Amino acid sequence: MRRRNRVSESSTIRQALLPLAVFLILSLAMAGPAFAEPDPQYGGIYRIHNTPIRSLDPHMETASQTTMVTVNTNNCLLRFNPDMTGVEPDLAESWRQIDDLTYEFKLHEGVRFHDVPPVNGRELTSADVKYSIERVAGMHGRTSDFKHSYYFENKIESIETPDKYTVIIKTKKPYAAFVKYLSSPWSAIVAREVVEEHGDLKRHAIGTGPFILKEYVMGSHVTLVKNPNYFKEGKPYLDGIHIRIMTDPSSVVSAFIAGRLDGAQVTYHFMPTIQKQTPDTIVEQLEGTYMWTLRCPPWIEGEKALQPPFDKLEVRQAIALAIDKKRLLELAWGGFGKPQVGPVPSAMIFSLSQEDQVEYNPEKAKALLAQAGYPDGFSAELMTWNLSYMTQPAQIIQQMLKDVGIEIKLNLLEFAQYFNRAYRFDYEMALHLMTAGVDPEEWLIPYYGKVEDATYYKWSNPELWEMIDRQQHIMDPAEREVFIKEIQRKVMADAPNLFLYTQDRFIIRKPYVHLKRYLLDVQGLVGEYIWMEKQE
């Protein structure tokens, strides 16, 4: 992943935002992932915002609202380094790969869970690591509830705990993504007794992390306080983190300008206002990995067949040809982002180049519809959730499809309602966000893998299943890259989804806030490194 600033001379929108572009260039010069401050100050409450949090259970959840909390309450064995070029130790003091199948991890001694019931500050051991990895894999509950079960389910031969501080994991076959999945925030280490007491972790974030969950009021706020017994010496610097639940972007900007927030993520529309009102604001413009995707209905062979007109390949291809991705991005997000090609976003390794891009060709789309038996088009419902970053592109897509004869009725749902229906795989079309991942196969297995492995979408193409399974065991990076690109081209040939764009993220903070920026979207707020200069 990389930071970038973008300026287009041709677009009217960009011309209007030229002062913003200059501001971003100047601000970006001040921003970055480096953390070279030698004398951090202690104290203070870092005030940030979030949208509504469905759940605090990292093993069951998929939205980054969850990890904004759990990255600070829980640790993993490893975690990604700031620029995602590798991993760094977290709970593991050291680790090594013994052979193609065997990994050994030595834990820090004396790591303690938070001093709250039911763990009451007990020491973390290798048994907790074993339990947590098994839980991610769906072994301690209904597998379908664990949205990242594909990380480890049927992949691990054994997890041995020869002593309190050693974990030895053997995979069944060489597994290219294994270390990355252990480093994912969705593989957080938890305590069995917390799960057993509460049934799940949806309202309880208790771990070994730098902050302790003091209060969680759904729809209102999350309060984290400093863990005085954190195992990393001298950390955290803050006394706490306060996360306000805010759904109105204007209110977020107003709170930041008024000094009620120390940091925020905002849309590009508000940057001129921020430039004018708080010119000393530090801005980071980051290329995103959450991909806007237009979905045709899922296909579950033997259970949910593809219904007309989507059972015709020509219809799915026509939908893809009808969407002008570049114009869609301009109208929906001011052009601050990148049109995407295949399922793996451009910010990640193994993504496709623009040479594989689906052409925008409405006349060809009309011809394909006629060839499929729909010369006058057809009608369909498109669902998404009712926040502007989804509804605005949905309305533009509606018009683009109308131009080729496809009449779209929009169904704008509440966030929870949308995902309840999406996970029942009950829709004709959907405008969706593909979740951020840590390995290219995370944009493949959960969507186009075997039906029993796919968690977010279903597509019953056995040829794709075999290819996706085969890439997992290719340990040579160059060979794996070539093959993963072949898989993406096969997905695009089937046209179950159209990969639209990723948005640039605008992350702002007050000049007195210092942090170590981790570019992984779901690992963005690593609170143990944040510190703030004392304000007079």
Protein backbone atom coordinates (compact mmCIF):
# COMPACT_ATOMS: atom_id res chain seq x y z
CA MET A 1 0.00 0.00 0.00
CA ARG A 2 1.15 3.54 -0.60
CA ARG A 3 0.31 7.15 0.05
CA ARG A 4 -0.33 9.32 -2.96
CA ASN A 5 -1.76 12.66 -3.96
CA ARG A 6 -3.73 13.03 -7.17
CA VAL A 7 -4.44 16.12 -9.27
CA SER A 8 -6.35 16.01 -12.59
CA GLU A 9 -6.24 19.02 -14.93
CA SER A 10 -9.18 17.99 -17.09
CA SER A 11 -12.08 17.49 -14.70
CA THR A 12 -14.31 20.39 -13.73
CA ILE A 13 -14.55 18.87 -10.28
CA ARG A 14 -10.79 18.77 -9.97
CA GLN A 15 -10.45 22.38 -11.14
CA ALA A 16 -12.87 23.44 -8.44
CA LEU A 17 -10.79 21.57 -5.91
CA LEU A 18 -7.41 22.88 -7.06
CA PRO A 19 -6.81 24.69 -3.74
CA LEU A 20 -7.48 21.37 -2.03
CA ALA A 21 -4.85 19.65 -4.17
CA VAL A 22 -2.27 22.26 -3.22
CA PHE A 23 -3.26 21.89 0.43
CA LEU A 24 -2.86 18.13 0.25
CA ILE A 25 0.59 18.37 -1.29
CA LEU A 26 1.71 20.70 1.49
CA SER A 27 0.03 18.66 4.21
CA LEU A 28 1.34 15.36 2.95
CA ALA A 29 4.83 16.72 3.29
CA MET A 30 4.19 16.79 7.02
CA ALA A 31 2.48 13.41 7.19
CA GLY A 32 3.74 9.87 6.95
CA PRO A 33 4.19 6.57 8.72
CA ALA A 34 7.53 7.51 10.28
CA PHE A 35 7.64 7.71 14.05
CA ALA A 36 10.95 9.26 14.91
CA GLU A 37 9.98 11.38 17.93
CA PRO A 38 12.55 10.60 20.66
CA ASP A 39 10.70 11.93 23.71
CA PRO A 40 6.99 11.12 23.66
CA GLN A 41 4.87 12.72 26.35
CA TYR A 42 2.53 10.74 28.57
CA GLY A 43 -1.10 11.42 29.29
CA GLY A 44 -4.18 12.67 27.51
CA ILE A 45 -7.28 11.12 25.98
CA TYR A 46 -7.19 10.70 22.22
CA ARG A 47 -10.62 11.58 20.84
CA ILE A 48 -11.61 9.92 17.59
CA HIS A 49 -14.85 8.92 15.86
CA ASN A 50 -16.30 5.81 14.30
CA THR A 51 -19.50 4.76 12.57
CA PRO A 52 -21.81 2.28 14.36
CA ILE A 53 -20.10 -0.89 15.56
CA ARG A 54 -22.03 -4.10 14.93
CA SER A 55 -19.91 -6.27 17.18
CA LEU A 56 -16.62 -6.36 19.10
CA ASP A 57 -15.95 -10.01 18.24
CA PRO A 58 -12.89 -10.03 15.94
CA HIS A 59 -13.40 -13.67 15.00
CA MET A 60 -17.00 -13.15 13.86
CA GLU A 61 -16.91 -9.64 12.42
CA THR A 62 -15.71 -8.21 9.10
CA ALA A 63 -16.09 -4.41 9.42
CA SER A 64 -13.15 -2.21 10.37
CA GLN A 65 -15.25 -0.48 13.03
CA THR A 66 -14.58 -3.56 15.15
CA THR A 67 -10.80 -3.57 14.79
CA MET A 68 -10.57 0.13 15.67
CA VAL A 69 -11.38 -1.19 19.16
CA THR A 70 -9.86 -4.67 19.20
CA VAL A 71 -6.46 -3.66 17.82
CA ASN A 72 -6.17 -1.72 21.08
CA THR A 73 -7.68 -4.25 23.48
CA ASN A 74 -6.13 -7.40 22.04
CA ASN A 75 -2.84 -8.54 20.56
CA CYS A 76 -1.99 -11.08 17.87
CA LEU A 77 1.02 -13.36 17.61
CA LEU A 78 2.38 -11.07 14.88
CA ARG A 79 1.15 -7.97 13.12
CA PHE A 80 1.91 -6.22 9.86
CA ASN A 81 4.62 -3.60 9.83
CA PRO A 82 3.64 -0.01 8.93
CA ASP A 83 3.92 -0.26 5.14
CA MET A 84 2.72 -3.89 4.90
CA THR A 85 6.00 -5.13 3.45
CA GLY A 86 6.36 -7.71 6.22
CA VAL A 87 5.33 -8.61 9.75
CA GLU A 88 6.65 -7.70 13.19
CA PRO A 89 6.40 -9.52 16.54
CA ASP A 90 3.49 -8.77 18.84
CA LEU A 91 2.75 -11.46 21.44
CA ALA A 92 5.46 -13.60 19.89
CA GLU A 93 8.88 -12.61 21.13
CA SER A 94 10.36 -14.63 18.26
CA TRP A 95 9.25 -17.07 15.61
CA ARG A 96 10.71 -19.29 12.91
CA GLN A 97 9.60 -21.54 10.09
CA ILE A 98 11.20 -24.91 10.70
CA ASP A 99 10.19 -26.47 7.38
CA ASP A 100 7.49 -26.09 4.72
CA LEU A 101 4.82 -27.19 7.20
CA THR A 102 6.07 -26.28 10.68
CA TYR A 103 6.15 -22.93 12.52
CA GLU A 104 7.40 -22.28 16.04
CA PHE A 105 6.45 -19.24 18.15
CA LYS A 106 8.01 -18.20 21.45
CA LEU A 107 5.72 -15.98 23.51
CA HIS A 108 6.75 -13.08 25.70
CA GLU A 109 6.74 -14.25 29.29
CA GLY A 110 4.63 -12.45 31.84
CA VAL A 111 1.99 -11.13 29.45
CA ARG A 112 -1.24 -10.66 31.39
CA PHE A 113 -4.85 -10.31 30.41
CA HIS A 114 -6.68 -7.23 31.56
CA ASP A 115 -7.38 -7.13 35.28
CA VAL A 116 -11.15 -7.49 34.86
CA PRO A 117 -13.49 -10.46 35.37
CA PRO A 118 -13.42 -13.24 34.43
CA VAL A 119 -9.69 -13.29 33.58
CA ASN A 120 -8.65 -10.98 36.46
CA GLY A 121 -5.16 -10.35 35.15
CA ARG A 122 -4.11 -13.97 34.73
CA GLU A 123 -1.08 -14.76 32.60
CA LEU A 124 -1.49 -15.48 28.91
CA THR A 125 -0.18 -18.90 27.87
CA SER A 126 0.26 -20.96 24.75
CA ALA A 127 -3.13 -22.57 25.48
CA ASP A 128 -4.80 -19.19 24.79
CA VAL A 129 -3.09 -18.99 21.41
CA LYS A 130 -4.20 -22.52 20.53
CA TYR A 131 -7.80 -21.80 21.57
CA SER A 132 -7.93 -18.52 19.65
CA ILE A 133 -6.64 -20.00 16.38
CA GLU A 134 -9.10 -22.87 16.73
CA ARG A 135 -11.90 -20.36 17.34
CA VAL A 136 -11.02 -18.35 14.23
CA ALA A 137 -11.23 -21.65 12.34
CA GLY A 138 -14.77 -22.18 13.66
CA MET A 139 -13.93 -25.09 15.95
CA HIS A 140 -15.62 -23.58 19.02
CA GLY A 141 -19.10 -22.84 17.73
CA ARG A 142 -21.01 -22.80 14.47
CA THR A 143 -18.40 -22.47 11.74
CA SER A 144 -20.57 -20.18 9.61
CA ASP A 145 -20.50 -17.57 12.40
CA PHE A 146 -16.74 -17.18 12.06
CA LYS A 147 -16.26 -15.06 8.96
CA HIS A 148 -12.51 -15.69 8.72
CA SER A 149 -12.68 -19.44 9.25
CA TYR A 150 -11.10 -19.91 5.82
CA TYR A 151 -7.83 -18.71 7.37
CA PHE A 152 -7.27 -21.96 9.22
CA GLU A 153 -10.19 -24.39 8.72
CA ASN A 154 -8.91 -27.69 7.32
CA LYS A 155 -5.48 -26.11 6.89
CA ILE A 156 -3.86 -27.00 10.22
CA GLU A 157 -2.64 -30.49 11.05
CA SER A 158 -1.86 -29.75 14.70
CA ILE A 159 -1.22 -27.04 17.28
CA GLU A 160 1.17 -28.18 19.98
CA THR A 161 1.88 -26.37 23.26
CA PRO A 162 4.94 -28.09 24.75
CA ASP A 163 5.20 -25.42 27.44
CA LYS A 164 3.48 -22.22 28.57
CA TYR A 165 5.41 -20.04 26.16
CA THR A 166 5.86 -22.18 23.05
CA VAL A 167 3.40 -22.82 20.22
CA ILE A 168 4.22 -25.18 17.36
CA ILE A 169 1.81 -25.19 14.43
CA LYS A 170 1.91 -27.72 11.61
CA THR A 171 -0.07 -27.13 8.44
CA LYS A 172 -1.44 -30.00 6.37
CA LYS A 173 0.16 -28.68 3.19
CA PRO A 174 2.49 -25.82 2.33
CA TYR A 175 0.33 -22.75 2.91
CA ALA A 176 1.48 -19.50 1.30
CA ALA A 177 -0.74 -17.09 3.25
CA PHE A 178 -0.37 -18.68 6.69
CA VAL A 179 1.94 -16.15 8.38
CA LYS A 180 -0.09 -13.26 6.98
CA TYR A 181 -3.29 -14.69 8.41
CA LEU A 182 -1.70 -15.14 11.83
CA SER A 183 -0.77 -11.43 11.61
CA SER A 184 -4.27 -10.28 10.72
CA PRO A 185 -6.24 -8.32 13.35
CA TRP A 186 -9.02 -10.86 12.79
CA SER A 187 -6.74 -13.46 14.45
CA ALA A 188 -6.68 -11.63 17.79
CA ILE A 189 -5.80 -13.75 20.84
CA VAL A 190 -8.69 -14.04 23.29
CA ALA A 191 -9.43 -15.89 26.53
CA ARG A 192 -11.67 -18.95 26.56
CA GLU A 193 -13.37 -17.99 29.83
CA VAL A 194 -14.55 -14.66 28.41
CA VAL A 195 -16.26 -16.46 25.54
CA GLU A 196 -17.74 -19.10 27.83
CA GLU A 197 -19.09 -16.53 30.29
CA HIS A 198 -20.72 -14.30 27.67
CA GLY A 199 -21.39 -16.77 24.83
CA ASP A 200 -19.47 -14.62 22.36
CA LEU A 201 -17.41 -11.43 22.28
CA LYS A 202 -19.92 -9.14 20.61
CA ARG A 203 -20.09 -6.79 23.60
CA HIS A 204 -16.87 -7.69 25.38
CA ALA A 205 -13.33 -6.81 24.27
CA ILE A 206 -11.02 -8.31 26.90
CA GLY A 207 -7.48 -9.12 25.94
CA THR A 208 -3.84 -8.35 26.64
CA GLY A 209 -3.75 -5.08 24.70
CA PRO A 210 -2.55 -1.61 25.71
CA PHE A 211 -6.06 -0.41 26.53
CA ILE A 212 -8.94 -1.79 28.59
CA LEU A 213 -12.56 -1.45 27.52
CA LYS A 214 -14.21 0.69 30.19
CA GLU A 215 -17.53 1.44 28.50
CA TYR A 216 -19.31 0.48 25.31
CA VAL A 217 -22.65 2.16 24.65
CA MET A 218 -24.03 1.07 21.29
CA GLY A 219 -24.71 4.00 19.03
CA SER A 220 -23.02 6.43 21.40
CA HIS A 221 -19.37 5.83 22.33
CA VAL A 222 -16.56 3.50 23.31
CA THR A 223 -14.21 4.43 26.16
CA LEU A 224 -10.81 2.74 26.47
CA VAL A 225 -8.47 3.35 29.40
CA LYS A 226 -4.76 2.68 29.77
CA ASN A 227 -3.72 -0.84 30.71
CA PRO A 228 -1.23 -0.27 33.57
CA ASN A 229 0.11 -3.81 33.22
CA TYR A 230 0.84 -3.79 29.49
CA PHE A 231 3.78 -6.04 28.68
CA LYS A 232 5.52 -3.60 26.31
CA GLU A 233 7.65 -1.41 28.51
CA GLY A 234 6.76 2.29 28.52
CA LYS A 235 3.55 1.86 26.52
CA PRO A 236 0.96 3.07 26.00
CA TYR A 237 1.58 6.79 26.25
CA LEU A 238 -2.07 7.84 26.35
CA ASP A 239 -4.33 7.65 29.37
CA GLY A 240 -7.13 6.51 27.09
CA ILE A 241 -9.00 6.64 23.80
CA HIS A 242 -12.55 7.92 23.44
CA ILE A 243 -14.40 6.85 20.28
CA ARG A 244 -17.58 8.76 19.49
CA ILE A 245 -20.14 7.04 17.27
CA MET A 246 -20.99 9.54 14.55
CA THR A 247 -22.91 8.92 11.32
CA ASP A 248 -23.13 12.45 9.91
CA PRO A 249 -19.94 13.48 8.06
CA SER A 250 -20.71 17.18 8.59
CA SER A 251 -20.89 16.65 12.34
CA VAL A 252 -17.50 14.93 12.26
CA VAL A 253 -15.91 17.88 10.50
CA SER A 254 -17.60 20.40 12.82
CA ALA A 255 -16.39 18.49 15.89
CA PHE A 256 -12.83 18.38 14.54
CA ILE A 257 -12.76 22.08 13.70
CA ALA A 258 -14.22 22.93 17.11
CA GLY A 259 -11.52 20.88 18.84
CA ARG A 260 -13.81 18.14 20.13
CA LEU A 261 -11.98 15.50 18.08
CA ASP A 262 -8.21 15.04 17.81
CA GLY A 263 -8.36 12.88 14.71
CA ALA A 264 -10.88 11.95 12.03
CA GLN A 265 -11.43 10.35 8.66
CA VAL A 266 -13.30 12.68 6.33
CA THR A 267 -14.47 12.85 2.74
CA TYR A 268 -12.70 14.99 0.18
CA HIS A 269 -15.71 17.36 0.01
CA PHE A 270 -14.78 18.87 3.36
CA MET A 271 -11.09 19.44 2.76
CA PRO A 272 -11.40 23.07 1.58
CA THR A 273 -13.34 23.88 4.76
CA ILE A 274 -10.71 22.18 6.92
CA GLN A 275 -7.98 24.03 5.02
CA LYS A 276 -9.65 27.34 5.75
CA GLN A 277 -10.71 26.74 9.33
CA THR A 278 -7.75 24.72 10.64
CA PRO A 279 -4.80 25.27 8.26
CA ASP A 280 -2.34 23.49 10.57
CA THR A 281 -4.21 20.17 10.22
CA ILE A 282 -2.04 17.19 9.26
CA VAL A 283 -3.55 15.26 6.35
CA GLU A 284 -2.77 11.78 5.07
CA GLN A 285 -4.21 10.69 1.72
CA LEU A 286 -4.02 6.91 1.49
CA GLU A 287 -4.98 4.58 -1.33
CA GLY A 288 -7.75 2.34 -0.04
CA THR A 289 -8.18 -1.42 -0.29
CA TYR A 290 -11.94 -1.55 0.29
CA MET A 291 -13.37 -2.04 -3.20
CA TRP A 292 -16.77 -0.86 -4.41
CA THR A 293 -18.26 -3.83 -6.26
CA LEU A 294 -21.43 -4.33 -8.28
CA ARG A 295 -22.77 -7.81 -7.61
CA CYS A 296 -25.05 -10.04 -9.61
CA PRO A 297 -26.98 -12.61 -7.54
CA PRO A 298 -25.03 -15.39 -5.79
CA TRP A 299 -25.10 -18.88 -7.28
CA ILE A 300 -25.30 -21.85 -4.92
CA GLU A 301 -25.58 -24.98 -7.04
CA GLY A 302 -28.31 -27.30 -5.75
CA GLU A 303 -29.69 -24.68 -3.39
CA LYS A 304 -29.99 -21.30 -5.11
CA ALA A 305 -29.85 -21.46 -8.90
CA LEU A 306 -29.15 -18.39 -10.98
CA GLN A 307 -32.47 -16.96 -12.06
CA PRO A 308 -33.18 -15.20 -15.37
CA PRO A 309 -31.88 -12.90 -16.65
CA PHE A 310 -28.67 -13.32 -14.63
CA ASP A 311 -28.23 -16.95 -15.69
CA LYS A 312 -27.12 -15.62 -19.09
CA LEU A 313 -23.40 -14.81 -19.30
CA GLU A 314 -24.16 -12.18 -21.93
CA VAL A 315 -26.38 -10.32 -19.44
CA ARG A 316 -23.67 -10.23 -16.79
CA GLN A 317 -21.14 -9.11 -19.38
CA ALA A 318 -23.52 -6.41 -20.61
CA ILE A 319 -23.81 -5.01 -17.09
CA ALA A 320 -20.03 -4.76 -16.91
CA LEU A 321 -19.80 -3.01 -20.30
CA ALA A 322 -22.47 -0.47 -19.30
CA ILE A 323 -20.53 1.05 -16.39
CA ASP A 324 -18.04 3.85 -17.01
CA LYS A 325 -15.81 3.31 -13.97
CA LYS A 326 -13.76 6.48 -14.38
CA ARG A 327 -16.83 8.69 -14.67
CA LEU A 328 -18.50 6.86 -11.79
CA LEU A 329 -15.51 7.61 -9.58
CA GLU A 330 -15.48 11.26 -10.66
CA LEU A 331 -19.16 11.74 -9.90
CA ALA A 332 -19.27 9.68 -6.71
CA TRP A 333 -15.95 10.64 -5.11
CA GLY A 334 -14.50 13.55 -7.06
CA GLY A 335 -12.07 11.22 -8.79
CA PHE A 336 -10.06 10.72 -5.60
CA GLY A 337 -9.45 7.02 -5.90
CA LYS A 338 -8.62 4.49 -8.56
CA PRO A 339 -10.77 2.52 -11.03
CA GLN A 340 -10.20 -1.16 -10.38
CA VAL A 341 -9.72 -4.08 -12.73
CA GLY A 342 -10.07 -7.44 -10.97
CA PRO A 343 -10.91 -8.65 -7.47
CA VAL A 344 -7.46 -7.90 -5.98
CA PRO A 345 -7.20 -4.10 -5.57
CA SER A 346 -4.35 -2.18 -7.15
CA ALA A 347 -2.82 -1.26 -3.79
CA MET A 348 -2.02 -4.93 -3.17
CA ILE A 349 0.51 -7.28 -4.70
CA PHE A 350 -0.67 -9.57 -7.50
CA SER A 351 -3.29 -7.10 -8.80
CA LEU A 352 -4.09 -6.90 -12.52
CA SER A 353 -2.95 -4.01 -14.72
CA GLN A 354 -5.21 -1.72 -16.72
CA GLU A 355 -4.50 -3.89 -19.76
CA ASP A 356 -7.11 -6.31 -18.37
CA GLN A 357 -9.69 -3.59 -17.72
CA VAL A 358 -13.29 -4.17 -18.85
CA GLU A 359 -14.05 -1.67 -21.58
CA TYR A 360 -16.87 0.82 -21.29
CA ASN A 361 -19.03 0.12 -24.34
CA PRO A 362 -22.78 0.70 -23.96
CA GLU A 363 -23.53 -0.16 -27.59
CA LYS A 364 -21.86 -3.54 -27.20
CA ALA A 365 -23.80 -3.97 -23.95
CA LYS A 366 -27.09 -3.45 -25.79
CA ALA A 367 -26.05 -5.96 -28.44
CA LEU A 368 -25.24 -8.56 -25.78
CA LEU A 369 -28.62 -8.00 -24.11
CA ALA A 370 -30.33 -8.58 -27.44
CA GLN A 371 -28.22 -11.69 -28.03
CA ALA A 372 -29.31 -13.01 -24.61
CA GLY A 373 -32.98 -12.49 -25.52
CA TYR A 374 -33.51 -9.10 -23.84
CA PRO A 375 -33.55 -6.58 -26.71
CA ASP A 376 -35.71 -4.23 -24.62
CA GLY A 377 -33.69 -4.76 -21.46
CA PHE A 378 -35.16 -5.90 -18.15
CA SER A 379 -35.90 -4.70 -14.62
CA ALA A 380 -34.04 -5.60 -11.43
CA GLU A 381 -33.58 -4.47 -7.83
CA LEU A 382 -30.26 -3.11 -6.62
CA MET A 383 -29.75 -3.03 -2.86
CA THR A 384 -27.16 -1.21 -0.82
CA TRP A 385 -27.04 0.56 2.55
CA ASN A 386 -28.30 4.09 3.06
CA LEU A 387 -25.12 6.09 3.61
CA SER A 388 -24.07 8.62 1.01
CA TYR A 389 -20.85 6.85 0.00
CA MET A 390 -23.06 3.96 -1.17
CA THR A 391 -26.30 5.66 -2.24
CA GLN A 392 -24.62 8.22 -4.50
CA PRO A 393 -22.75 5.68 -6.66
CA ALA A 394 -25.87 3.48 -6.65
CA GLN A 395 -27.87 6.31 -8.21
CA ILE A 396 -25.20 6.87 -10.86
CA ILE A 397 -25.09 3.15 -11.66
CA GLN A 398 -28.88 3.20 -11.92
CA GLN A 399 -28.66 5.84 -14.66
CA MET A 400 -25.80 4.12 -16.51
CA LEU A 401 -27.73 0.85 -16.63
CA LYS A 402 -30.86 2.68 -17.73
CA ASP A 403 -28.91 3.98 -20.73
CA VAL A 404 -28.59 0.39 -22.02
CA GLY A 405 -32.20 -0.55 -21.19
CA ILE A 406 -31.84 -2.01 -17.68
CA GLU A 407 -34.35 -0.46 -15.28
CA ILE A 408 -33.04 -0.52 -11.72
CA LYS A 409 -35.13 -0.05 -8.59
CA LEU A 410 -32.98 1.00 -5.65
CA ASN A 411 -33.54 -0.61 -2.26
CA LEU A 412 -31.66 1.45 0.34
CA LEU A 413 -31.45 -0.44 3.62
CA GLU A 414 -30.20 0.26 7.09
CA PHE A 415 -26.62 -0.99 7.56
CA ALA A 416 -27.57 -4.05 9.66
CA GLN A 417 -30.55 -4.89 7.45
CA TYR A 418 -28.36 -4.85 4.37
CA PHE A 419 -25.80 -7.25 5.79
CA ASN A 420 -28.44 -9.58 7.21
CA ARG A 421 -29.88 -9.92 3.73
CA ALA A 422 -26.48 -10.07 2.03
CA TYR A 423 -25.39 -12.98 4.24
CA ARG A 424 -28.64 -14.79 3.43
CA PHE A 425 -27.56 -14.38 -0.22
CA ASP A 426 -31.04 -13.06 -0.96
CA TYR A 427 -30.86 -10.37 -3.65
CA GLU A 428 -30.82 -9.71 -7.38
CA MET A 429 -28.07 -7.10 -7.45
CA ALA A 430 -26.09 -5.35 -4.74
CA LEU A 431 -23.63 -2.49 -4.49
CA HIS A 432 -21.13 -3.78 -1.97
CA LEU A 433 -17.75 -3.16 -0.40
CA MET A 434 -15.28 -6.02 -0.61
CA THR A 435 -13.54 -6.13 2.74
CA ALA A 436 -9.86 -5.29 3.10
CA GLY A 437 -7.54 -8.27 3.25
CA VAL A 438 -3.96 -9.12 4.09
CA ASP A 439 -3.24 -11.58 1.27
CA PRO A 440 -4.49 -11.59 -2.35
CA GLU A 441 -6.49 -14.77 -1.76
CA GLU A 442 -8.71 -12.86 0.67
CA TRP A 443 -10.38 -11.32 -2.36
CA LEU A 444 -10.84 -14.82 -3.82
CA ILE A 445 -11.73 -17.52 -1.27
CA PRO A 446 -14.53 -15.66 0.59
CA TYR A 447 -16.23 -14.76 -2.68
CA TYR A 448 -15.46 -17.37 -5.35
CA GLY A 449 -14.08 -20.32 -3.41
CA LYS A 450 -15.95 -23.52 -2.64
CA VAL A 451 -19.45 -22.85 -1.35
CA GLU A 452 -18.58 -24.19 2.10
CA ASP A 453 -15.53 -21.89 2.29
CA ALA A 454 -17.00 -18.73 0.78
CA THR A 455 -18.42 -16.47 3.48
CA TYR A 456 -19.32 -13.20 1.73
CA TYR A 457 -20.54 -14.36 -1.68
CA LYS A 458 -21.20 -17.67 -3.45
CA TRP A 459 -20.28 -18.66 -6.98
CA SER A 460 -20.53 -22.30 -8.03
CA ASN A 461 -17.81 -22.66 -10.60
CA PRO A 462 -15.75 -25.79 -9.81
CA GLU A 463 -12.97 -24.69 -12.18
CA LEU A 464 -12.50 -21.55 -10.11
CA TRP A 465 -12.65 -23.57 -6.90
CA GLU A 466 -9.81 -25.81 -8.07
CA MET A 467 -7.65 -22.87 -9.14
CA ILE A 468 -8.20 -21.00 -5.87
CA ASP A 469 -7.33 -24.11 -3.89
CA ARG A 470 -4.16 -24.72 -5.92
CA GLN A 471 -2.74 -21.21 -5.42
CA GLN A 472 -2.73 -21.66 -1.65
CA HIS A 473 0.11 -24.17 -1.90
CA ILE A 474 2.38 -22.27 -4.32
CA MET A 475 5.19 -21.04 -2.09
CA ASP A 476 7.24 -19.33 -4.81
CA PRO A 477 5.95 -15.70 -4.94
CA ALA A 478 6.61 -15.16 -8.65
CA GLU A 479 4.86 -18.38 -9.65
CA ARG A 480 1.96 -17.63 -7.31
CA GLU A 481 1.56 -14.12 -8.73
CA VAL A 482 1.18 -15.43 -12.28
CA PHE A 483 -1.41 -17.97 -11.18
CA ILE A 484 -3.44 -15.55 -9.04
CA LYS A 485 -3.67 -13.22 -12.02
CA GLU A 486 -5.02 -16.14 -14.09
CA ILE A 487 -7.68 -16.72 -11.41
CA GLN A 488 -8.72 -13.08 -11.54
CA ARG A 489 -9.11 -13.18 -15.30
CA LYS A 490 -11.28 -16.27 -14.94
CA VAL A 491 -13.50 -14.46 -12.42
CA MET A 492 -13.84 -11.54 -14.81
CA ALA A 493 -14.74 -13.89 -17.67
CA ASP A 494 -17.62 -15.28 -15.57
CA ALA A 495 -18.68 -11.69 -14.69
CA PRO A 496 -20.49 -12.43 -11.41
CA ASN A 497 -19.24 -9.07 -10.05
CA LEU A 498 -17.93 -5.86 -11.56
CA PHE A 499 -14.98 -4.33 -9.71
CA LEU A 500 -15.56 -0.58 -9.69
CA TYR A 501 -13.10 1.51 -7.70
CA THR A 502 -11.30 2.10 -4.44
CA GLN A 503 -11.50 5.45 -2.69
CA ASP A 504 -8.61 7.44 -1.35
CA ARG A 505 -8.91 7.89 2.41
CA PHE A 506 -8.39 11.32 3.95
CA ILE A 507 -7.18 10.94 7.51
CA ILE A 508 -6.66 14.14 9.47
CA ARG A 509 -5.28 14.93 12.88
CA LYS A 510 -4.36 17.88 15.04
CA PRO A 511 -0.70 18.99 14.91
CA TYR A 512 -0.17 18.01 18.53
CA VAL A 513 -1.01 14.35 17.78
CA HIS A 514 1.91 12.01 17.02
CA LEU A 515 1.40 8.45 15.84
CA LYS A 516 2.89 5.55 13.98
CA ARG A 517 0.70 5.04 10.94
CA TYR A 518 -0.05 1.44 9.99
CA LEU A 519 -1.37 1.45 6.46
CA LEU A 520 -3.50 -1.70 6.73
CA ASP A 521 -7.08 -0.41 6.86
CA VAL A 522 -8.15 -2.76 9.65
CA GLN A 523 -5.00 -2.03 11.66
CA GLY A 524 -5.07 1.73 11.33
CA LEU A 525 -5.43 2.87 14.95
CA VAL A 526 -2.52 1.26 16.81
CA GLY A 527 -3.00 3.20 20.01
CA GLU A 528 0.10 2.05 21.85
CA TYR A 529 2.23 4.39 19.70
CA ILE A 530 -0.02 7.47 19.85
CA TRP A 531 1.02 10.37 22.03
CA MET A 532 -0.04 13.99 22.31
CA GLU A 533 1.79 17.15 23.22
CA LYS A 534 0.34 18.80 26.30
CA GLN A 535 -1.88 21.74 25.44
CA GLU A 536 -1.75 24.97 27.41
